[in-house]
Full PDB file with SEQRES, HELIX, SHEET, SSBOND, CRYST1, ORIGX, SCALE, CONECT and MASTER records, all heavy atoms in Angstrom:
SEQRES   1 A   35  ASN HIS GLN PRO ASP GLU GLY ASP TYR LEU LYS ARG LYS          
SEQRES   2 A   35  ALA ARG ALA GLN ARG VAL TYR ASP GLU TRP MET PRO VAL          
SEQRES   3 A   35  ARG LEU SER GLY THR ALA ALA THR GLY                          
HELIX    1 AA1 PRO A    4  GLU A    6  5                                   3    
HELIX    2 AA2 TYR A    9  TRP A   23  1                                  15    
CRYST1    1.000    1.000    1.000  90.00  90.00  90.00 P 1           1          
ORIGX1      1.000000  0.000000  0.000000        0.00000                         
ORIGX2      0.000000  1.000000  0.000000        0.00000                         
ORIGX3      0.000000  0.000000  1.000000        0.00000                         
SCALE1      1.000000  0.000000  0.000000        0.00000                         
SCALE2      0.000000  1.000000  0.000000        0.00000                         
SCALE3      0.000000  0.000000  1.000000        0.00000                         
ATOM      1  N   ASN A   1      -4.904 -14.887  -3.932  1.00  0.00           N  
ATOM      2  CA  ASN A   1      -3.805 -15.388  -3.057  1.00  0.00           C  
ATOM      3  C   ASN A   1      -3.852 -14.819  -1.671  1.00  0.00           C  
ATOM      4  O   ASN A   1      -2.862 -14.814  -0.958  1.00  0.00           O  
ATOM      5  CB  ASN A   1      -2.451 -15.047  -3.719  1.00  0.00           C  
ATOM      6  CG  ASN A   1      -1.320 -15.824  -3.070  1.00  0.00           C  
ATOM      7  OD1 ASN A   1      -1.455 -16.986  -2.709  1.00  0.00           O  
ATOM      8  ND2 ASN A   1      -0.166 -15.150  -2.883  1.00  0.00           N  
ATOM      9  N   HIS A   2      -5.000 -14.315  -1.245  1.00  0.00           N  
ATOM     10  CA  HIS A   2      -5.115 -13.851   0.142  1.00  0.00           C  
ATOM     11  C   HIS A   2      -6.026 -14.823   0.890  1.00  0.00           C  
ATOM     12  O   HIS A   2      -7.168 -15.063   0.503  1.00  0.00           O  
ATOM     13  CB  HIS A   2      -5.709 -12.483   0.230  1.00  0.00           C  
ATOM     14  CG  HIS A   2      -5.809 -11.938   1.652  1.00  0.00           C  
ATOM     15  ND1 HIS A   2      -4.699 -11.441   2.299  1.00  0.00           N  
ATOM     16  CD2 HIS A   2      -6.843 -11.874   2.514  1.00  0.00           C  
ATOM     17  CE1 HIS A   2      -5.083 -11.079   3.524  1.00  0.00           C  
ATOM     18  NE2 HIS A   2      -6.364 -11.363   3.662  1.00  0.00           N  
ATOM     19  N   GLN A   3      -5.505 -15.387   1.963  1.00  0.00           N  
ATOM     20  CA  GLN A   3      -6.220 -16.377   2.727  1.00  0.00           C  
ATOM     21  C   GLN A   3      -6.736 -15.776   4.074  1.00  0.00           C  
ATOM     22  O   GLN A   3      -6.171 -14.814   4.575  1.00  0.00           O  
ATOM     23  CB  GLN A   3      -5.317 -17.577   3.077  1.00  0.00           C  
ATOM     24  CG  GLN A   3      -4.555 -18.094   1.868  1.00  0.00           C  
ATOM     25  CD  GLN A   3      -5.486 -18.449   0.699  1.00  0.00           C  
ATOM     26  OE1 GLN A   3      -6.572 -19.016   0.923  1.00  0.00           O  
ATOM     27  NE2 GLN A   3      -5.106 -18.124  -0.521  1.00  0.00           N  
ATOM     28  N   PRO A   4      -7.816 -16.362   4.618  1.00  0.00           N  
ATOM     29  CA  PRO A   4      -8.383 -15.810   5.893  1.00  0.00           C  
ATOM     30  C   PRO A   4      -7.367 -15.679   7.000  1.00  0.00           C  
ATOM     31  O   PRO A   4      -7.434 -14.757   7.804  1.00  0.00           O  
ATOM     32  CB  PRO A   4      -9.509 -16.810   6.219  1.00  0.00           C  
ATOM     33  CG  PRO A   4      -9.910 -17.407   4.893  1.00  0.00           C  
ATOM     34  CD  PRO A   4      -8.628 -17.480   4.091  1.00  0.00           C  
ATOM     35  N   ASP A   5      -6.426 -16.633   7.110  1.00  0.00           N  
ATOM     36  CA  ASP A   5      -5.474 -16.567   8.197  1.00  0.00           C  
ATOM     37  C   ASP A   5      -4.398 -15.489   7.999  1.00  0.00           C  
ATOM     38  O   ASP A   5      -3.545 -15.274   8.839  1.00  0.00           O  
ATOM     39  CB  ASP A   5      -4.798 -17.932   8.423  1.00  0.00           C  
ATOM     40  CG  ASP A   5      -4.003 -18.413   7.235  1.00  0.00           C  
ATOM     41  OD1 ASP A   5      -3.981 -17.721   6.198  1.00  0.00           O  
ATOM     42  OD2 ASP A   5      -3.377 -19.488   7.324  1.00  0.00           O  
ATOM     43  N   GLU A   6      -4.491 -14.779   6.867  1.00  0.00           N  
ATOM     44  CA  GLU A   6      -3.563 -13.654   6.619  1.00  0.00           C  
ATOM     45  C   GLU A   6      -4.153 -12.293   7.025  1.00  0.00           C  
ATOM     46  O   GLU A   6      -3.554 -11.263   6.738  1.00  0.00           O  
ATOM     47  CB  GLU A   6      -3.150 -13.664   5.117  1.00  0.00           C  
ATOM     48  CG  GLU A   6      -2.299 -14.843   4.760  1.00  0.00           C  
ATOM     49  CD  GLU A   6      -2.052 -14.994   3.279  1.00  0.00           C  
ATOM     50  OE1 GLU A   6      -2.940 -14.628   2.453  1.00  0.00           O  
ATOM     51  OE2 GLU A   6      -0.947 -15.440   2.918  1.00  0.00           O  
ATOM     52  N   GLY A   7      -5.318 -12.364   7.652  1.00  0.00           N  
ATOM     53  CA  GLY A   7      -5.918 -11.115   8.158  1.00  0.00           C  
ATOM     54  C   GLY A   7      -6.847 -10.447   7.168  1.00  0.00           C  
ATOM     55  O   GLY A   7      -7.233 -11.014   6.152  1.00  0.00           O  
ATOM     56  N   ASP A   8      -7.182  -9.198   7.483  1.00  0.00           N  
ATOM     57  CA  ASP A   8      -8.077  -8.433   6.639  1.00  0.00           C  
ATOM     58  C   ASP A   8      -7.399  -7.984   5.328  1.00  0.00           C  
ATOM     59  O   ASP A   8      -6.304  -7.385   5.390  1.00  0.00           O  
ATOM     60  CB  ASP A   8      -8.547  -7.186   7.421  1.00  0.00           C  
ATOM     61  CG  ASP A   8      -9.497  -6.333   6.617  1.00  0.00           C  
ATOM     62  OD1 ASP A   8      -9.053  -5.437   5.912  1.00  0.00           O  
ATOM     63  OD2 ASP A   8     -10.742  -6.614   6.717  1.00  0.00           O  
ATOM     64  N   TYR A   9      -7.966  -8.321   4.189  1.00  0.00           N  
ATOM     65  CA  TYR A   9      -7.330  -7.999   2.923  1.00  0.00           C  
ATOM     66  C   TYR A   9      -7.148  -6.508   2.718  1.00  0.00           C  
ATOM     67  O   TYR A   9      -6.081  -6.068   2.245  1.00  0.00           O  
ATOM     68  CB  TYR A   9      -8.106  -8.586   1.728  1.00  0.00           C  
ATOM     69  CG  TYR A   9      -7.514  -8.086   0.421  1.00  0.00           C  
ATOM     70  CD1 TYR A   9      -6.336  -8.604  -0.049  1.00  0.00           C  
ATOM     71  CD2 TYR A   9      -8.119  -7.045  -0.271  1.00  0.00           C  
ATOM     72  CE1 TYR A   9      -5.753  -8.121  -1.218  1.00  0.00           C  
ATOM     73  CE2 TYR A   9      -7.540  -6.547  -1.455  1.00  0.00           C  
ATOM     74  CZ  TYR A   9      -6.359  -7.090  -1.908  1.00  0.00           C  
ATOM     75  OH  TYR A   9      -5.795  -6.589  -3.054  1.00  0.00           O  
ATOM     76  N   LEU A  10      -8.159  -5.722   3.027  1.00  0.00           N  
ATOM     77  CA  LEU A  10      -8.011  -4.279   2.823  1.00  0.00           C  
ATOM     78  C   LEU A  10      -6.915  -3.684   3.632  1.00  0.00           C  
ATOM     79  O   LEU A  10      -6.256  -2.719   3.169  1.00  0.00           O  
ATOM     80  CB  LEU A  10      -9.371  -3.621   3.057  1.00  0.00           C  
ATOM     81  CG  LEU A  10     -10.506  -3.949   2.106  1.00  0.00           C  
ATOM     82  CD1 LEU A  10     -11.782  -3.204   2.534  1.00  0.00           C  
ATOM     83  CD2 LEU A  10     -10.112  -3.643   0.661  1.00  0.00           C  
ATOM     84  N   LYS A  11      -6.659  -4.202   4.795  1.00  0.00           N  
ATOM     85  CA  LYS A  11      -5.537  -3.716   5.582  1.00  0.00           C  
ATOM     86  C   LYS A  11      -4.224  -4.149   4.951  1.00  0.00           C  
ATOM     87  O   LYS A  11      -3.259  -3.347   4.902  1.00  0.00           O  
ATOM     88  CB  LYS A  11      -5.646  -4.238   6.987  1.00  0.00           C  
ATOM     89  CG  LYS A  11      -6.796  -3.625   7.824  1.00  0.00           C  
ATOM     90  CD  LYS A  11      -6.807  -4.147   9.235  1.00  0.00           C  
ATOM     91  CE  LYS A  11      -7.965  -3.549  10.021  1.00  0.00           C  
ATOM     92  NZ  LYS A  11      -8.051  -4.061  11.404  1.00  0.00           N  
ATOM     93  N   ARG A  12      -4.181  -5.339   4.429  1.00  0.00           N  
ATOM     94  CA  ARG A  12      -2.972  -5.801   3.729  1.00  0.00           C  
ATOM     95  C   ARG A  12      -2.705  -4.928   2.502  1.00  0.00           C  
ATOM     96  O   ARG A  12      -1.560  -4.500   2.243  1.00  0.00           O  
ATOM     97  CB  ARG A  12      -3.123  -7.242   3.315  1.00  0.00           C  
ATOM     98  CG  ARG A  12      -1.924  -7.806   2.583  1.00  0.00           C  
ATOM     99  CD  ARG A  12      -2.121  -9.235   2.146  1.00  0.00           C  
ATOM    100  NE  ARG A  12      -0.944  -9.798   1.488  1.00  0.00           N  
ATOM    101  CZ  ARG A  12      -0.825 -11.047   1.066  1.00  0.00           C  
ATOM    102  NH1 ARG A  12      -1.879 -11.851   1.171  1.00  0.00           N  
ATOM    103  NH2 ARG A  12       0.290 -11.457   0.521  1.00  0.00           N  
ATOM    104  N   LYS A  13      -3.755  -4.655   1.734  1.00  0.00           N  
ATOM    105  CA  LYS A  13      -3.604  -3.813   0.561  1.00  0.00           C  
ATOM    106  C   LYS A  13      -3.138  -2.411   0.910  1.00  0.00           C  
ATOM    107  O   LYS A  13      -2.250  -1.854   0.258  1.00  0.00           O  
ATOM    108  CB  LYS A  13      -4.987  -3.717  -0.143  1.00  0.00           C  
ATOM    109  CG  LYS A  13      -5.064  -2.798  -1.341  1.00  0.00           C  
ATOM    110  CD  LYS A  13      -6.488  -2.790  -1.894  1.00  0.00           C  
ATOM    111  CE  LYS A  13      -6.688  -1.746  -2.999  1.00  0.00           C  
ATOM    112  NZ  LYS A  13      -8.097  -1.757  -3.478  1.00  0.00           N  
ATOM    113  N   ALA A  14      -3.672  -1.865   2.018  1.00  0.00           N  
ATOM    114  CA  ALA A  14      -3.232  -0.541   2.451  1.00  0.00           C  
ATOM    115  C   ALA A  14      -1.792  -0.545   2.840  1.00  0.00           C  
ATOM    116  O   ALA A  14      -1.050   0.415   2.557  1.00  0.00           O  
ATOM    117  CB  ALA A  14      -4.135  -0.055   3.599  1.00  0.00           C  
ATOM    118  N   ARG A  15      -1.317  -1.592   3.499  1.00  0.00           N  
ATOM    119  CA  ARG A  15       0.092  -1.696   3.892  1.00  0.00           C  
ATOM    120  C   ARG A  15       0.979  -1.743   2.640  1.00  0.00           C  
ATOM    121  O   ARG A  15       2.004  -1.047   2.543  1.00  0.00           O  
ATOM    122  CB  ARG A  15       0.337  -2.938   4.780  1.00  0.00           C  
ATOM    123  CG  ARG A  15      -0.297  -2.859   6.147  1.00  0.00           C  
ATOM    124  CD  ARG A  15       0.189  -3.953   7.043  1.00  0.00           C  
ATOM    125  NE  ARG A  15      -0.283  -5.263   6.652  1.00  0.00           N  
ATOM    126  CZ  ARG A  15      -1.364  -5.873   7.150  1.00  0.00           C  
ATOM    127  NH1 ARG A  15      -2.114  -5.220   8.036  1.00  0.00           N  
ATOM    128  NH2 ARG A  15      -1.728  -7.078   6.739  1.00  0.00           N  
ATOM    129  N   ALA A  16       0.577  -2.592   1.694  1.00  0.00           N  
ATOM    130  CA  ALA A  16       1.383  -2.725   0.444  1.00  0.00           C  
ATOM    131  C   ALA A  16       1.456  -1.442  -0.311  1.00  0.00           C  
ATOM    132  O   ALA A  16       2.527  -1.028  -0.828  1.00  0.00           O  
ATOM    133  CB  ALA A  16       0.775  -3.834  -0.414  1.00  0.00           C  
ATOM    134  N   GLN A  17       0.335  -0.706  -0.436  1.00  0.00           N  
ATOM    135  CA  GLN A  17       0.328   0.547  -1.142  1.00  0.00           C  
ATOM    136  C   GLN A  17       1.096   1.664  -0.402  1.00  0.00           C  
ATOM    137  O   GLN A  17       1.718   2.470  -1.021  1.00  0.00           O  
ATOM    138  CB  GLN A  17      -1.098   0.981  -1.470  1.00  0.00           C  
ATOM    139  CG  GLN A  17      -1.789   0.054  -2.461  1.00  0.00           C  
ATOM    140  CD  GLN A  17      -3.175   0.481  -2.830  1.00  0.00           C  
ATOM    141  OE1 GLN A  17      -3.798   1.303  -2.176  1.00  0.00           O  
ATOM    142  NE2 GLN A  17      -3.722  -0.116  -3.909  1.00  0.00           N  
ATOM    143  N   ARG A  18       1.026   1.622   0.915  1.00  0.00           N  
ATOM    144  CA  ARG A  18       1.825   2.576   1.684  1.00  0.00           C  
ATOM    145  C   ARG A  18       3.305   2.372   1.442  1.00  0.00           C  
ATOM    146  O   ARG A  18       4.047   3.326   1.227  1.00  0.00           O  
ATOM    147  CB  ARG A  18       1.537   2.383   3.198  1.00  0.00           C  
ATOM    148  CG  ARG A  18       2.469   3.187   4.103  1.00  0.00           C  
ATOM    149  CD  ARG A  18       2.158   2.955   5.566  1.00  0.00           C  
ATOM    150  NE  ARG A  18       3.177   3.554   6.416  1.00  0.00           N  
ATOM    151  CZ  ARG A  18       3.115   3.560   7.756  1.00  0.00           C  
ATOM    152  NH1 ARG A  18       2.083   3.002   8.343  1.00  0.00           N  
ATOM    153  NH2 ARG A  18       4.056   4.116   8.447  1.00  0.00           N  
ATOM    154  N   VAL A  19       3.770   1.121   1.421  1.00  0.00           N  
ATOM    155  CA  VAL A  19       5.177   0.835   1.195  1.00  0.00           C  
ATOM    156  C   VAL A  19       5.565   1.179  -0.237  1.00  0.00           C  
ATOM    157  O   VAL A  19       6.689   1.680  -0.476  1.00  0.00           O  
ATOM    158  CB  VAL A  19       5.495  -0.606   1.563  1.00  0.00           C  
ATOM    159  CG1 VAL A  19       6.952  -0.952   1.242  1.00  0.00           C  
ATOM    160  CG2 VAL A  19       5.232  -0.880   3.030  1.00  0.00           C  
ATOM    161  N   TYR A  20       4.712   0.907  -1.191  1.00  0.00           N  
ATOM    162  CA  TYR A  20       4.948   1.296  -2.595  1.00  0.00           C  
ATOM    163  C   TYR A  20       5.159   2.808  -2.656  1.00  0.00           C  
ATOM    164  O   TYR A  20       6.088   3.281  -3.334  1.00  0.00           O  
ATOM    165  CB  TYR A  20       3.758   0.861  -3.447  1.00  0.00           C  
ATOM    166  CG  TYR A  20       3.978   0.951  -4.921  1.00  0.00           C  
ATOM    167  CD1 TYR A  20       4.504  -0.119  -5.649  1.00  0.00           C  
ATOM    168  CD2 TYR A  20       3.653   2.084  -5.646  1.00  0.00           C  
ATOM    169  CE1 TYR A  20       4.691  -0.040  -7.023  1.00  0.00           C  
ATOM    170  CE2 TYR A  20       3.852   2.185  -6.999  1.00  0.00           C  
ATOM    171  CZ  TYR A  20       4.365   1.112  -7.691  1.00  0.00           C  
ATOM    172  OH  TYR A  20       4.546   1.175  -9.064  1.00  0.00           O  
ATOM    173  N   ASP A  21       4.344   3.560  -1.985  1.00  0.00           N  
ATOM    174  CA  ASP A  21       4.478   5.007  -1.954  1.00  0.00           C  
ATOM    175  C   ASP A  21       5.802   5.410  -1.315  1.00  0.00           C  
ATOM    176  O   ASP A  21       6.490   6.332  -1.826  1.00  0.00           O  
ATOM    177  CB  ASP A  21       3.308   5.598  -1.155  1.00  0.00           C  
ATOM    178  CG  ASP A  21       3.135   7.083  -1.348  1.00  0.00           C  
ATOM    179  OD1 ASP A  21       3.819   7.685  -2.195  1.00  0.00           O  
ATOM    180  OD2 ASP A  21       2.280   7.672  -0.621  1.00  0.00           O  
ATOM    181  N   GLU A  22       6.199   4.734  -0.283  1.00  0.00           N  
ATOM    182  CA  GLU A  22       7.484   5.052   0.374  1.00  0.00           C  
ATOM    183  C   GLU A  22       8.666   4.731  -0.487  1.00  0.00           C  
ATOM    184  O   GLU A  22       9.659   5.456  -0.553  1.00  0.00           O  
ATOM    185  CB  GLU A  22       7.605   4.254   1.680  1.00  0.00           C  
ATOM    186  CG  GLU A  22       6.629   4.640   2.775  1.00  0.00           C  
ATOM    187  CD  GLU A  22       6.702   3.701   3.954  1.00  0.00           C  
ATOM    188  OE1 GLU A  22       7.267   2.571   3.829  1.00  0.00           O  
ATOM    189  OE2 GLU A  22       6.119   4.009   5.043  1.00  0.00           O  
ATOM    190  N   TRP A  23       8.620   3.591  -1.197  1.00  0.00           N  
ATOM    191  CA  TRP A  23       9.838   3.044  -1.836  1.00  0.00           C  
ATOM    192  C   TRP A  23       9.944   3.258  -3.289  1.00  0.00           C  
ATOM    193  O   TRP A  23      10.975   2.932  -3.903  1.00  0.00           O  
ATOM    194  CB  TRP A  23       9.916   1.533  -1.532  1.00  0.00           C  
ATOM    195  CG  TRP A  23      10.456   1.236  -0.158  1.00  0.00           C  
ATOM    196  CD1 TRP A  23       9.798   1.216   0.992  1.00  0.00           C  
ATOM    197  CD2 TRP A  23      11.815   0.931   0.140  1.00  0.00           C  
ATOM    198  NE1 TRP A  23      10.658   0.915   2.037  1.00  0.00           N  
ATOM    199  CE2 TRP A  23      11.904   0.719   1.544  1.00  0.00           C  
ATOM    200  CE3 TRP A  23      12.972   0.772  -0.624  1.00  0.00           C  
ATOM    201  CZ2 TRP A  23      13.077   0.402   2.183  1.00  0.00           C  
ATOM    202  CZ3 TRP A  23      14.178   0.447   0.024  1.00  0.00           C  
ATOM    203  CH2 TRP A  23      14.245   0.264   1.407  1.00  0.00           C  
ATOM    204  N   MET A  24       8.944   3.828  -3.954  1.00  0.00           N  
ATOM    205  CA  MET A  24       8.990   4.010  -5.408  1.00  0.00           C  
ATOM    206  C   MET A  24       9.015   5.497  -5.778  1.00  0.00           C  
ATOM    207  O   MET A  24       8.325   6.325  -5.140  1.00  0.00           O  
ATOM    208  CB  MET A  24       7.777   3.361  -6.052  1.00  0.00           C  
ATOM    209  CG  MET A  24       7.733   1.827  -5.871  1.00  0.00           C  
ATOM    210  SD  MET A  24       9.118   0.994  -6.688  1.00  0.00           S  
ATOM    211  CE  MET A  24       8.679   1.188  -8.399  1.00  0.00           C  
ATOM    212  N   PRO A  25       9.767   5.870  -6.838  1.00  0.00           N  
ATOM    213  CA  PRO A  25       9.850   7.279  -7.243  1.00  0.00           C  
ATOM    214  C   PRO A  25       8.616   7.637  -8.120  1.00  0.00           C  
ATOM    215  O   PRO A  25       8.716   7.893  -9.328  1.00  0.00           O  
ATOM    216  CB  PRO A  25      11.127   7.339  -8.063  1.00  0.00           C  
ATOM    217  CG  PRO A  25      11.251   5.964  -8.666  1.00  0.00           C  
ATOM    218  CD  PRO A  25      10.671   5.018  -7.619  1.00  0.00           C  
ATOM    219  N   VAL A  26       7.457   7.744  -7.509  1.00  0.00           N  
ATOM    220  CA  VAL A  26       6.194   7.919  -8.202  1.00  0.00           C  
ATOM    221  C   VAL A  26       5.322   8.880  -7.400  1.00  0.00           C  
ATOM    222  O   VAL A  26       5.413   8.981  -6.193  1.00  0.00           O  
ATOM    223  CB  VAL A  26       5.481   6.568  -8.393  1.00  0.00           C  
ATOM    224  CG1 VAL A  26       5.124   5.928  -7.033  1.00  0.00           C  
ATOM    225  CG2 VAL A  26       4.245   6.680  -9.237  1.00  0.00           C  
ATOM    226  N   ARG A  27       4.466   9.587  -8.124  1.00  0.00           N  
ATOM    227  CA  ARG A  27       3.474  10.446  -7.464  1.00  0.00           C  
ATOM    228  C   ARG A  27       2.152   9.683  -7.304  1.00  0.00           C  
ATOM    229  O   ARG A  27       1.610   9.202  -8.312  1.00  0.00           O  
ATOM    230  CB  ARG A  27       3.205  11.724  -8.280  1.00  0.00           C  
ATOM    231  CG  ARG A  27       4.395  12.668  -8.387  1.00  0.00           C  
ATOM    232  CD  ARG A  27       4.037  13.913  -9.206  1.00  0.00           C  
ATOM    233  NE  ARG A  27       5.197  14.767  -9.455  1.00  0.00           N  
ATOM    234  CZ  ARG A  27       6.011  14.647 -10.470  1.00  0.00           C  
ATOM    235  NH1 ARG A  27       5.775  13.680 -11.370  1.00  0.00           N  
ATOM    236  NH2 ARG A  27       7.059  15.436 -10.582  1.00  0.00           N  
ATOM    237  N   LEU A  28       1.676   9.562  -6.086  1.00  0.00           N  
ATOM    238  CA  LEU A  28       0.328   9.025  -5.850  1.00  0.00           C  
ATOM    239  C   LEU A  28      -0.551  10.205  -5.518  1.00  0.00           C  
ATOM    240  O   LEU A  28      -0.166  11.075  -4.739  1.00  0.00           O  
ATOM    241  CB  LEU A  28       0.343   8.025  -4.728  1.00  0.00           C  
ATOM    242  CG  LEU A  28       1.098   6.694  -4.981  1.00  0.00           C  
ATOM    243  CD1 LEU A  28       0.917   5.728  -3.829  1.00  0.00           C  
ATOM    244  CD2 LEU A  28       0.659   6.031  -6.293  1.00  0.00           C  
ATOM    245  N   SER A  29      -1.755  10.211  -6.115  1.00  0.00           N  
ATOM    246  CA  SER A  29      -2.707  11.315  -5.956  1.00  0.00           C  
ATOM    247  C   SER A  29      -2.042  12.662  -6.315  1.00  0.00           C  
ATOM    248  O   SER A  29      -2.377  13.710  -5.749  1.00  0.00           O  
ATOM    249  CB  SER A  29      -3.249  11.372  -4.523  1.00  0.00           C  
ATOM    250  OG  SER A  29      -3.990  10.193  -4.273  1.00  0.00           O  
ATOM    251  N   GLY A  30      -1.125  12.602  -7.252  1.00  0.00           N  
ATOM    252  CA  GLY A  30      -0.552  13.820  -7.814  1.00  0.00           C  
ATOM    253  C   GLY A  30       0.586  14.437  -7.076  1.00  0.00           C  
ATOM    254  O   GLY A  30       1.109  15.493  -7.490  1.00  0.00           O  
ATOM    255  N   THR A  31       1.040  13.839  -5.987  1.00  0.00           N  
ATOM    256  CA  THR A  31       2.147  14.413  -5.198  1.00  0.00           C  
ATOM    257  C   THR A  31       3.174  13.362  -4.859  1.00  0.00           C  
ATOM    258  O   THR A  31       2.908  12.173  -4.868  1.00  0.00           O  
ATOM    259  CB  THR A  31       1.654  15.042  -3.896  1.00  0.00           C  
ATOM    260  OG1 THR A  31       1.466  14.016  -2.892  1.00  0.00           O  
ATOM    261  CG2 THR A  31       0.339  15.788  -4.088  1.00  0.00           C  
ATOM    262  N   ALA A  32       4.375  13.846  -4.509  1.00  0.00           N  
ATOM    263  CA  ALA A  32       5.462  12.929  -4.045  1.00  0.00           C  
ATOM    264  C   ALA A  32       5.374  12.726  -2.545  1.00  0.00           C  
ATOM    265  O   ALA A  32       6.141  11.949  -1.997  1.00  0.00           O  
ATOM    266  CB  ALA A  32       6.794  13.488  -4.440  1.00  0.00           C  
ATOM    267  N   ALA A  33       4.497  13.448  -1.857  1.00  0.00           N  
ATOM    268  CA  ALA A  33       4.369  13.277  -0.421  1.00  0.00           C  
ATOM    269  C   ALA A  33       3.795  11.893  -0.140  1.00  0.00           C  
ATOM    270  O   ALA A  33       2.982  11.356  -0.922  1.00  0.00           O  
ATOM    271  CB  ALA A  33       3.396  14.347   0.159  1.00  0.00           C  
ATOM    272  N   THR A  34       4.199  11.244   0.954  1.00  0.00           N  
ATOM    273  CA  THR A  34       3.708   9.925   1.274  1.00  0.00           C  
ATOM    274  C   THR A  34       2.490  10.054   2.205  1.00  0.00           C  
ATOM    275  O   THR A  34       2.387  10.960   2.971  1.00  0.00           O  
ATOM    276  CB  THR A  34       4.777   9.088   1.988  1.00  0.00           C  
ATOM    277  OG1 THR A  34       5.236   9.782   3.160  1.00  0.00           O  
ATOM    278  CG2 THR A  34       5.955   8.855   1.045  1.00  0.00           C  
ATOM    279  N   GLY A  35       1.570   9.120   1.990  1.00  0.00           N  
ATOM    280  CA  GLY A  35       0.423   9.051   2.878  1.00  0.00           C  
ATOM    281  C   GLY A  35      -0.722   9.970   2.556  1.00  0.00           C  
ATOM    282  O   GLY A  35      -1.656  10.081   3.331  1.00  0.00           O  
TER     283      GLY A  35                                                      
MASTER        0    0    0    2    0    0    0    6  282    1    0    3          
END                                                                             
């Protein structure tokens, strides 16, 4: 569901995972720190 006119997929994925890290009560890479 990612189309060429939506830009670079890896950048979109990075944005989505960044926001998931910000908005969800979960540890990524073992910590609650974001980014």
